[in-house]
Structures are given as structure tokens and as C-alpha cells.
Amino acid sequence: MHRFATLSRTLVPLRSALEAAGVPVSVGYEQIRRQVFPAPVKDGRRSLVPSDEVEAVIAARIAGQDESQIRGIVQRLHAQRQTGVKA
């Protein structure tokens, strides 16, 4: 399992990100489709997820946010990828 604490923003394999969040792979793909888990970035054949995005979703779940709130977080995170600016 990858340790996210060492760098503030790294790309980690999708499976490792799902494992860190306690989400089975099959459920993870459904959560990505529903936009309640960050979509991976393709790097050749690899699917990678920004670690800070995974941490944000985990923190939201710990805080008890519901699916619509988490979807909003994920959508903002995806928008930040396009602009490079934190929302």
C-alpha cells in the first residue's frame, strides 16, 4: 500500500487508492462512474489517481458527508485538474 503522507500531491495506482479508501475494485469503478470517487488519470496503460484527491474523499467520508456532498467535492477536484487552481 502506498503511503500518502510523504508528499502532498502524488499519483498513485488506482487499485492502491481504492485500497487506501477501503473500497473494493468493483465498487470503486461504480463510485467513479457516480462521481463519488476521483477518476483516474491515464498514463499510458496505467490508471493513476492524485493522492490528495483520495485523501479529500476519505476525509469527507470520515466527516459523515453524504453522497451528494462527496460528489460535489469530486467535481470540484476534477475542475481543479483543468485549471490547476484549488477551488
PDB file of N, CA and C in Angstrom:
ATOM      1  N   MET A   1       0.849  -1.176   0.000  1.00  0.00           N
ATOM      2  CA  MET A   1       0.000   0.000   0.000  1.00  0.00           C
ATOM      3  C   MET A   1       0.894   1.238   0.000  1.00  0.00           C
ATOM      4  N   HIS A   2       0.496   2.242  -0.731  1.00  0.00           N
ATOM      5  CA  HIS A   2       1.246   3.486  -0.804  1.00  0.00           C
ATOM      6  C   HIS A   2       0.996   4.335   0.426  1.00  0.00           C
ATOM      7  N   ARG A   3       2.020   5.042   0.848  1.00  0.00           N
ATOM      8  CA  ARG A   3       1.898   5.985   1.960  1.00  0.00           C
ATOM      9  C   ARG A   3       1.730   7.367   1.363  1.00  0.00           C
ATOM     10  N   PHE A   4       0.596   8.010   1.629  1.00  0.00           N
ATOM     11  CA  PHE A   4       0.293   9.312   1.057  1.00  0.00           C
ATOM     12  C   PHE A   4       0.918  10.457   1.842  1.00  0.00           C
ATOM     13  N   ALA A   5       1.351  10.220   3.060  1.00  0.00           N
ATOM     14  CA  ALA A   5       1.796  11.306   3.925  1.00  0.00           C
ATOM     15  C   ALA A   5       3.132  11.912   3.503  1.00  0.00           C
ATOM     16  N   THR A   6       3.902  11.217   2.686  1.00  0.00           N
ATOM     17  CA  THR A   6       5.241  11.698   2.364  1.00  0.00           C
ATOM     18  C   THR A   6       5.236  12.883   1.401  1.00  0.00           C
ATOM     19  N   LEU A   7       4.337  12.935   0.481  1.00  0.00           N
ATOM     20  CA  LEU A   7       4.233  14.037  -0.469  1.00  0.00           C
ATOM     21  C   LEU A   7       2.801  14.550  -0.471  1.00  0.00           C
ATOM     22  N   SER A   8       2.656  15.851  -0.681  1.00  0.00           N
ATOM     23  CA  SER A   8       1.307  16.398  -0.639  1.00  0.00           C
ATOM     24  C   SER A   8       0.499  16.036  -1.882  1.00  0.00           C
ATOM     25  N   ARG A   9       1.155  15.847  -3.016  1.00  0.00           N
ATOM     26  CA  ARG A   9       0.420  15.503  -4.235  1.00  0.00           C
ATOM     27  C   ARG A   9       1.262  14.556  -5.064  1.00  0.00           C
ATOM     28  N   THR A  10       0.839  13.311  -5.080  1.00  0.00           N
ATOM     29  CA  THR A  10       1.488  12.306  -5.892  1.00  0.00           C
ATOM     30  C   THR A  10       0.419  11.547  -6.661  1.00  0.00           C
ATOM     31  N   LEU A  11       0.837  10.827  -7.675  1.00  0.00           N
ATOM     32  CA  LEU A  11      -0.074   9.958  -8.406  1.00  0.00           C
ATOM     33  C   LEU A  11       0.160   8.537  -7.933  1.00  0.00           C
ATOM     34  N   VAL A  12      -0.931   7.883  -7.541  1.00  0.00           N
ATOM     35  CA  VAL A  12      -0.840   6.509  -7.047  1.00  0.00           C
ATOM     36  C   VAL A  12      -1.717   5.614  -7.920  1.00  0.00           C
ATOM     37  N   PRO A  13      -1.345   4.350  -8.034  1.00  0.00           N
ATOM     38  CA  PRO A  13      -2.168   3.426  -8.817  1.00  0.00           C
ATOM     39  C   PRO A  13      -3.603   3.373  -8.295  1.00  0.00           C
ATOM     40  N   LEU A  14      -4.536   3.250  -9.221  1.00  0.00           N
ATOM     41  CA  LEU A  14      -5.952   3.226  -8.862  1.00  0.00           C
ATOM     42  C   LEU A  14      -6.248   2.163  -7.812  1.00  0.00           C
ATOM     43  N   ARG A  15      -5.733   0.967  -7.999  1.00  0.00           N
ATOM     44  CA  ARG A  15      -6.006  -0.114  -7.033  1.00  0.00           C
ATOM     45  C   ARG A  15      -5.513   0.264  -5.636  1.00  0.00           C
ATOM     46  N   SER A  16      -4.354   0.897  -5.542  1.00  0.00           N
ATOM     47  CA  SER A  16      -3.825   1.319  -4.243  1.00  0.00           C
ATOM     48  C   SER A  16      -4.697   2.406  -3.628  1.00  0.00           C
ATOM     49  N   ALA A  17      -5.193   3.306  -4.469  1.00  0.00           N
ATOM     50  CA  ALA A  17      -6.066   4.377  -3.981  1.00  0.00           C
ATOM     51  C   ALA A  17      -7.364   3.792  -3.433  1.00  0.00           C
ATOM     52  N   LEU A  18      -7.923   2.847  -4.159  1.00  0.00           N
ATOM     53  CA  LEU A  18      -9.155   2.207  -3.701  1.00  0.00           C
ATOM     54  C   LEU A  18      -8.911   1.437  -2.408  1.00  0.00           C
ATOM     55  N   GLU A  19      -7.785   0.750  -2.337  1.00  0.00           N
ATOM     56  CA  GLU A  19      -7.441   0.003  -1.127  1.00  0.00           C
ATOM     57  C   GLU A  19      -7.311   0.950   0.066  1.00  0.00           C
ATOM     58  N   ALA A  20      -6.652   2.090  -0.142  1.00  0.00           N
ATOM     59  CA  ALA A  20      -6.482   3.065   0.939  1.00  0.00           C
ATOM     60  C   ALA A  20      -7.826   3.575   1.432  1.00  0.00           C
ATOM     61  N   ALA A  21      -8.793   3.672   0.524  1.00  0.00           N
ATOM     62  CA  ALA A  21     -10.119   4.159   0.878  1.00  0.00           C
ATOM     63  C   ALA A  21     -11.028   3.033   1.393  1.00  0.00           C
ATOM     64  N   GLY A  22     -10.524   1.801   1.373  1.00  0.00           N
ATOM     65  CA  GLY A  22     -11.321   0.677   1.846  1.00  0.00           C
ATOM     66  C   GLY A  22     -12.434   0.292   0.892  1.00  0.00           C
ATOM     67  N   VAL A  23     -12.188   0.510  -0.406  1.00  0.00           N
ATOM     68  CA  VAL A  23     -13.214   0.265  -1.419  1.00  0.00           C
ATOM     69  C   VAL A  23     -12.768  -0.886  -2.331  1.00  0.00           C
ATOM     70  N   PRO A  24     -13.575  -1.940  -2.465  1.00  0.00           N
ATOM     71  CA  PRO A  24     -13.242  -3.000  -3.416  1.00  0.00           C
ATOM     72  C   PRO A  24     -13.195  -2.445  -4.841  1.00  0.00           C
ATOM     73  N   VAL A  25     -12.368  -3.044  -5.684  1.00  0.00           N
ATOM     74  CA  VAL A  25     -12.182  -2.540  -7.047  1.00  0.00           C
ATOM     75  C   VAL A  25     -13.505  -2.456  -7.799  1.00  0.00           C
ATOM     76  N   SER A  26     -14.326  -3.493  -7.729  1.00  0.00           N
ATOM     77  CA  SER A  26     -15.586  -3.481  -8.481  1.00  0.00           C
ATOM     78  C   SER A  26     -16.494  -2.350  -8.013  1.00  0.00           C
ATOM     79  N   VAL A  27     -16.526  -2.092  -6.719  1.00  0.00           N
ATOM     80  CA  VAL A  27     -17.322  -0.990  -6.174  1.00  0.00           C
ATOM     81  C   VAL A  27     -16.690   0.342  -6.558  1.00  0.00           C
ATOM     82  N   GLY A  28     -15.368   0.385  -6.591  1.00  0.00           N
ATOM     83  CA  GLY A  28     -14.650   1.609  -6.952  1.00  0.00           C
ATOM     84  C   GLY A  28     -15.009   2.102  -8.335  1.00  0.00           C
ATOM     85  N   TYR A  29     -15.090   1.207  -9.293  1.00  0.00           N
ATOM     86  CA  TYR A  29     -15.460   1.616 -10.654  1.00  0.00           C
ATOM     87  C   TYR A  29     -16.874   2.203 -10.682  1.00  0.00           C
ATOM     88  N   GLU A  30     -17.761   1.642  -9.897  1.00  0.00           N
ATOM     89  CA  GLU A  30     -19.127   2.186  -9.804  1.00  0.00           C
ATOM     90  C   GLU A  30     -19.101   3.565  -9.143  1.00  0.00           C
ATOM     91  N   GLN A  31     -18.282   3.727  -8.112  1.00  0.00           N
ATOM     92  CA  GLN A  31     -18.177   5.031  -7.457  1.00  0.00           C
ATOM     93  C   GLN A  31     -17.567   6.080  -8.389  1.00  0.00           C
ATOM     94  N   ILE A  32     -16.615   5.685  -9.200  1.00  0.00           N
ATOM     95  CA  ILE A  32     -16.041   6.609 -10.191  1.00  0.00           C
ATOM     96  C   ILE A  32     -17.122   7.025 -11.180  1.00  0.00           C
ATOM     97  N   ARG A  33     -17.916   6.067 -11.635  1.00  0.00           N
ATOM     98  CA  ARG A  33     -18.996   6.369 -12.575  1.00  0.00           C
ATOM     99  C   ARG A  33     -20.004   7.341 -11.965  1.00  0.00           C
ATOM    100  N   ARG A  34     -20.294   7.171 -10.660  1.00  0.00           N
ATOM    101  CA  ARG A  34     -21.247   8.050  -9.971  1.00  0.00           C
ATOM    102  C   ARG A  34     -20.602   9.349  -9.494  1.00  0.00           C
ATOM    103  N   GLN A  35     -19.322   9.504  -9.753  1.00  0.00           N
ATOM    104  CA  GLN A  35     -18.543  10.694  -9.386  1.00  0.00           C
ATOM    105  C   GLN A  35     -18.469  10.902  -7.868  1.00  0.00           C
ATOM    106  N   VAL A  36     -18.326   9.803  -7.124  1.00  0.00           N
ATOM    107  CA  VAL A  36     -18.120   9.909  -5.685  1.00  0.00           C
ATOM    108  C   VAL A  36     -16.738   9.372  -5.295  1.00  0.00           C
ATOM    109  N   PHE A  37     -15.916   9.082  -6.296  1.00  0.00           N
ATOM    110  CA  PHE A  37     -14.503   8.750  -6.115  1.00  0.00           C
ATOM    111  C   PHE A  37     -13.771   9.353  -7.301  1.00  0.00           C
ATOM    112  N   PRO A  38     -12.586   9.927  -7.059  1.00  0.00           N
ATOM    113  CA  PRO A  38     -11.867  10.601  -8.152  1.00  0.00           C
ATOM    114  C   PRO A  38     -11.556   9.659  -9.319  1.00  0.00           C
ATOM    115  N   ALA A  39     -11.791  10.137 -10.516  1.00  0.00           N
ATOM    116  CA  ALA A  39     -11.473   9.365 -11.717  1.00  0.00           C
ATOM    117  C   ALA A  39      -9.964   9.314 -11.898  1.00  0.00           C
ATOM    118  N   PRO A  40      -9.467   8.210 -12.421  1.00  0.00           N
ATOM    119  CA  PRO A  40      -8.025   8.105 -12.628  1.00  0.00           C
ATOM    120  C   PRO A  40      -7.554   8.944 -13.819  1.00  0.00           C
ATOM    121  N   VAL A  41      -6.265   9.233 -13.780  1.00  0.00           N
ATOM    122  CA  VAL A  41      -5.571   9.892 -14.879  1.00  0.00           C
ATOM    123  C   VAL A  41      -4.835   8.781 -15.621  1.00  0.00           C
ATOM    124  N   LYS A  42      -4.958   8.711 -16.915  1.00  0.00           N
ATOM    125  CA  LYS A  42      -4.277   7.673 -17.681  1.00  0.00           C
ATOM    126  C   LYS A  42      -2.841   8.104 -17.965  1.00  0.00           C
ATOM    127  N   ASP A  43      -1.917   7.186 -17.727  1.00  0.00           N
ATOM    128  CA  ASP A  43      -0.507   7.379 -18.049  1.00  0.00           C
ATOM    129  C   ASP A  43      -0.072   6.131 -18.803  1.00  0.00           C
ATOM    130  N   GLY A  44      -0.237   6.208 -20.115  1.00  0.00           N
ATOM    131  CA  GLY A  44      -0.010   5.003 -20.905  1.00  0.00           C
ATOM    132  C   GLY A  44      -1.063   3.978 -20.562  1.00  0.00           C
ATOM    133  N   ARG A  45      -0.624   2.830 -20.093  1.00  0.00           N
ATOM    134  CA  ARG A  45      -1.560   1.773 -19.722  1.00  0.00           C
ATOM    135  C   ARG A  45      -1.946   1.827 -18.249  1.00  0.00           C
ATOM    136  N   ARG A  46      -1.319   2.711 -17.496  1.00  0.00           N
ATOM    137  CA  ARG A  46      -1.587   2.790 -16.058  1.00  0.00           C
ATOM    138  C   ARG A  46      -2.712   3.778 -15.758  1.00  0.00           C
ATOM    139  N   SER A  47      -3.467   3.464 -14.718  1.00  0.00           N
ATOM    140  CA  SER A  47      -4.508   4.360 -14.213  1.00  0.00           C
ATOM    141  C   SER A  47      -4.048   4.853 -12.851  1.00  0.00           C
ATOM    142  N   LEU A  48      -3.838   6.171 -12.739  1.00  0.00           N
ATOM    143  CA  LEU A  48      -3.308   6.769 -11.526  1.00  0.00           C
ATOM    144  C   LEU A  48      -4.275   7.809 -10.986  1.00  0.00           C
ATOM    145  N   VAL A  49      -4.289   7.981  -9.673  1.00  0.00           N
ATOM    146  CA  VAL A  49      -5.187   8.935  -9.024  1.00  0.00           C
ATOM    147  C   VAL A  49      -4.337   9.876  -8.162  1.00  0.00           C
ATOM    148  N   PRO A  50      -4.597  11.188  -8.218  1.00  0.00           N
ATOM    149  CA  PRO A  50      -3.883  12.109  -7.332  1.00  0.00           C
ATOM    150  C   PRO A  50      -4.181  11.776  -5.861  1.00  0.00           C
ATOM    151  N   SER A  51      -3.124  11.624  -5.076  1.00  0.00           N
ATOM    152  CA  SER A  51      -3.288  11.200  -3.685  1.00  0.00           C
ATOM    153  C   SER A  51      -4.084  12.207  -2.858  1.00  0.00           C
ATOM    154  N   ASP A  52      -3.924  13.487  -3.141  1.00  0.00           N
ATOM    155  CA  ASP A  52      -4.659  14.484  -2.350  1.00  0.00           C
ATOM    156  C   ASP A  52      -6.163  14.400  -2.606  1.00  0.00           C
ATOM    157  N   GLU A  53      -6.548  13.974  -3.804  1.00  0.00           N
ATOM    158  CA  GLU A  53      -7.972  13.804  -4.100  1.00  0.00           C
ATOM    159  C   GLU A  53      -8.544  12.620  -3.317  1.00  0.00           C
ATOM    160  N   VAL A  54      -7.775  11.544  -3.239  1.00  0.00           N
ATOM    161  CA  VAL A  54      -8.208  10.378  -2.461  1.00  0.00           C
ATOM    162  C   VAL A  54      -8.346  10.768  -0.992  1.00  0.00           C
ATOM    163  N   GLU A  55      -7.362  11.517  -0.485  1.00  0.00           N
ATOM    164  CA  GLU A  55      -7.404  11.954   0.912  1.00  0.00           C
ATOM    165  C   GLU A  55      -8.623  12.834   1.178  1.00  0.00           C
ATOM    166  N   ALA A  56      -8.990  13.691   0.228  1.00  0.00           N
ATOM    167  CA  ALA A  56     -10.154  14.565   0.398  1.00  0.00           C
ATOM    168  C   ALA A  56     -11.440  13.748   0.495  1.00  0.00           C
ATOM    169  N   VAL A  57     -11.561  12.711  -0.324  1.00  0.00           N
ATOM    170  CA  VAL A  57     -12.757  11.868  -0.298  1.00  0.00           C
ATOM    171  C   VAL A  57     -12.807  11.067   1.009  1.00  0.00           C
ATOM    172  N   ILE A  58     -11.665  10.542   1.428  1.00  0.00           N
ATOM    173  CA  ILE A  58     -11.630   9.802   2.688  1.00  0.00           C
ATOM    174  C   ILE A  58     -12.032  10.723   3.848  1.00  0.00           C
ATOM    175  N   ALA A  59     -11.496  11.933   3.871  1.00  0.00           N
ATOM    176  CA  ALA A  59     -11.821  12.889   4.936  1.00  0.00           C
ATOM    177  C   ALA A  59     -13.312  13.222   4.939  1.00  0.00           C
ATOM    178  N   ALA A  60     -13.896  13.368   3.754  1.00  0.00           N
ATOM    179  CA  ALA A  60     -15.327  13.666   3.657  1.00  0.00           C
ATOM    180  C   ALA A  60     -16.152  12.507   4.203  1.00  0.00           C
ATOM    181  N   ARG A  61     -15.743  11.287   3.909  1.00  0.00           N
ATOM    182  CA  ARG A  61     -16.471  10.126   4.424  1.00  0.00           C
ATOM    183  C   ARG A  61     -16.358  10.049   5.940  1.00  0.00           C
ATOM    184  N   ILE A  62     -15.157  10.307   6.460  1.00  0.00           N
ATOM    185  CA  ILE A  62     -14.958  10.288   7.912  1.00  0.00           C
ATOM    186  C   ILE A  62     -15.834  11.355   8.576  1.00  0.00           C
ATOM    187  N   ALA A  63     -15.967  12.502   7.906  1.00  0.00           N
ATOM    188  CA  ALA A  63     -16.773  13.603   8.443  1.00  0.00           C
ATOM    189  C   ALA A  63     -18.270  13.337   8.335  1.00  0.00           C
ATOM    190  N   GLY A  64     -18.637  12.233   7.687  1.00  0.00           N
ATOM    191  CA  GLY A  64     -20.043  11.875   7.593  1.00  0.00           C
ATOM    192  C   GLY A  64     -20.802  12.560   6.478  1.00  0.00           C
ATOM    193  N   GLN A  65     -20.082  13.081   5.494  1.00  0.00           N
ATOM    194  CA  GLN A  65     -20.774  13.736   4.382  1.00  0.00           C
ATOM    195  C   GLN A  65     -21.503  12.697   3.536  1.00  0.00           C
ATOM    196  N   ASP A  66     -22.647  13.110   3.000  1.00  0.00           N
ATOM    197  CA  ASP A  66     -23.433  12.182   2.193  1.00  0.00           C
ATOM    198  C   ASP A  66     -22.921  12.155   0.753  1.00  0.00           C
ATOM    199  N   GLU A  67     -23.518  11.276  -0.044  1.00  0.00           N
ATOM    200  CA  GLU A  67     -23.051  11.069  -1.417  1.00  0.00           C
ATOM    201  C   GLU A  67     -23.102  12.346  -2.249  1.00  0.00           C
ATOM    202  N   SER A  68     -24.151  13.144  -2.105  1.00  0.00           N
ATOM    203  CA  SER A  68     -24.245  14.365  -2.911  1.00  0.00           C
ATOM    204  C   SER A  68     -23.156  15.363  -2.522  1.00  0.00           C
ATOM    205  N   GLN A  69     -22.814  15.421  -1.247  1.00  0.00           N
ATOM    206  CA  GLN A  69     -21.732  16.313  -0.817  1.00  0.00           C
ATOM    207  C   GLN A  69     -20.381  15.827  -1.350  1.00  0.00           C
ATOM    208  N   ILE A  70     -20.163  14.527  -1.296  1.00  0.00           N
ATOM    209  CA  ILE A  70     -18.907  13.962  -1.802  1.00  0.00           C
ATOM    210  C   ILE A  70     -18.829  14.152  -3.312  1.00  0.00           C
ATOM    211  N   ARG A  71     -19.952  13.998  -4.012  1.00  0.00           N
ATOM    212  CA  ARG A  71     -19.974  14.229  -5.460  1.00  0.00           C
ATOM    213  C   ARG A  71     -19.539  15.663  -5.770  1.00  0.00           C
ATOM    214  N   GLY A  72     -20.008  16.608  -4.985  1.00  0.00           N
ATOM    215  CA  GLY A  72     -19.605  18.000  -5.170  1.00  0.00           C
ATOM    216  C   GLY A  72     -18.114  18.186  -4.981  1.00  0.00           C
ATOM    217  N   ILE A  73     -17.553  17.519  -3.980  1.00  0.00           N
ATOM    218  CA  ILE A  73     -16.107  17.588  -3.739  1.00  0.00           C
ATOM    219  C   ILE A  73     -15.353  17.020  -4.937  1.00  0.00           C
ATOM    220  N   VAL A  74     -15.771  15.847  -5.389  1.00  0.00           N
ATOM    221  CA  VAL A  74     -15.092  15.206  -6.522  1.00  0.00           C
ATOM    222  C   VAL A  74     -15.194  16.076  -7.774  1.00  0.00           C
ATOM    223  N   GLN A  75     -16.339  16.662  -8.021  1.00  0.00           N
ATOM    224  CA  GLN A  75     -16.495  17.533  -9.189  1.00  0.00           C
ATOM    225  C   GLN A  75     -15.575  18.752  -9.098  1.00  0.00           C
ATOM    226  N   ARG A  76     -15.446  19.333  -7.901  1.00  0.00           N
ATOM    227  CA  ARG A  76     -14.515  20.467  -7.725  1.00  0.00           C
ATOM    228  C   ARG A  76     -13.077  20.027  -7.947  1.00  0.00           C
ATOM    229  N   LEU A  77     -12.733  18.852  -7.445  1.00  0.00           N
ATOM    230  CA  LEU A  77     -11.375  18.342  -7.638  1.00  0.00           C
ATOM    231  C   LEU A  77     -11.074  18.128  -9.114  1.00  0.00           C
ATOM    232  N   HIS A  78     -12.039  17.573  -9.848  1.00  0.00           N
ATOM    233  CA  HIS A  78     -11.846  17.365 -11.283  1.00  0.00           C
ATOM    234  C   HIS A  78     -11.712  18.702 -12.003  1.00  0.00           C
ATOM    235  N   ALA A  79     -12.474  19.711 -11.601  1.00  0.00           N
ATOM    236  CA  ALA A  79     -12.369  21.042 -12.215  1.00  0.00           C
ATOM    237  C   ALA A  79     -10.997  21.647 -11.944  1.00  0.00           C
ATOM    238  N   GLN A  80     -10.464  21.411 -10.751  1.00  0.00           N
ATOM    239  CA  GLN A  80      -9.141  21.921 -10.413  1.00  0.00           C
ATOM    240  C   GLN A  80      -8.052  21.333 -11.303  1.00  0.00           C
ATOM    241  N   ARG A  81      -8.252  20.102 -11.727  1.00  0.00           N
ATOM    242  CA  ARG A  81      -7.282  19.482 -12.643  1.00  0.00           C
ATOM    243  C   ARG A  81      -7.162  20.296 -13.924  1.00  0.00           C
ATOM    244  N   GLN A  82      -8.290  20.830 -14.387  1.00  0.00           N
ATOM    245  CA  GLN A  82      -8.304  21.578 -15.639  1.00  0.00           C
ATOM    246  C   GLN A  82      -7.672  22.941 -15.491  1.00  0.00           C
ATOM    247  N   THR A  83      -7.876  23.589 -14.349  1.00  0.00           N
ATOM    248  CA  THR A  83      -7.392  24.946 -14.157  1.00  0.00           C
ATOM    249  C   THR A  83      -6.054  24.998 -13.431  1.00  0.00           C
ATOM    250  N   GLY A  84      -5.770  23.966 -12.662  1.00  0.00           N
ATOM    251  CA  GLY A  84      -4.555  23.952 -11.864  1.00  0.00           C
ATOM    252  C   GLY A  84      -4.677  24.832 -10.629  1.00  0.00           C
ATOM    253  N   VAL A  85      -5.884  25.340 -10.342  1.00  0.00           N
ATOM    254  CA  VAL A  85      -6.118  26.232  -9.206  1.00  0.00           C
ATOM    255  C   VAL A  85      -7.023  25.519  -8.223  1.00  0.00           C
ATOM    256  N   LYS A  86      -6.660  25.554  -6.942  1.00  0.00           N
ATOM    257  CA  LYS A  86      -7.509  24.946  -5.920  1.00  0.00           C
ATOM    258  C   LYS A  86      -8.773  25.777  -5.737  1.00  0.00           C
ATOM    259  N   ALA A  87      -9.923  25.102  -5.766  1.00  0.00           N
ATOM    260  CA  ALA A  87     -11.214  25.799  -5.607  1.00  0.00           C
ATOM    261  C   ALA A  87     -11.563  25.981  -4.154  1.00  0.00           C
TER     262      ALA A  87
END
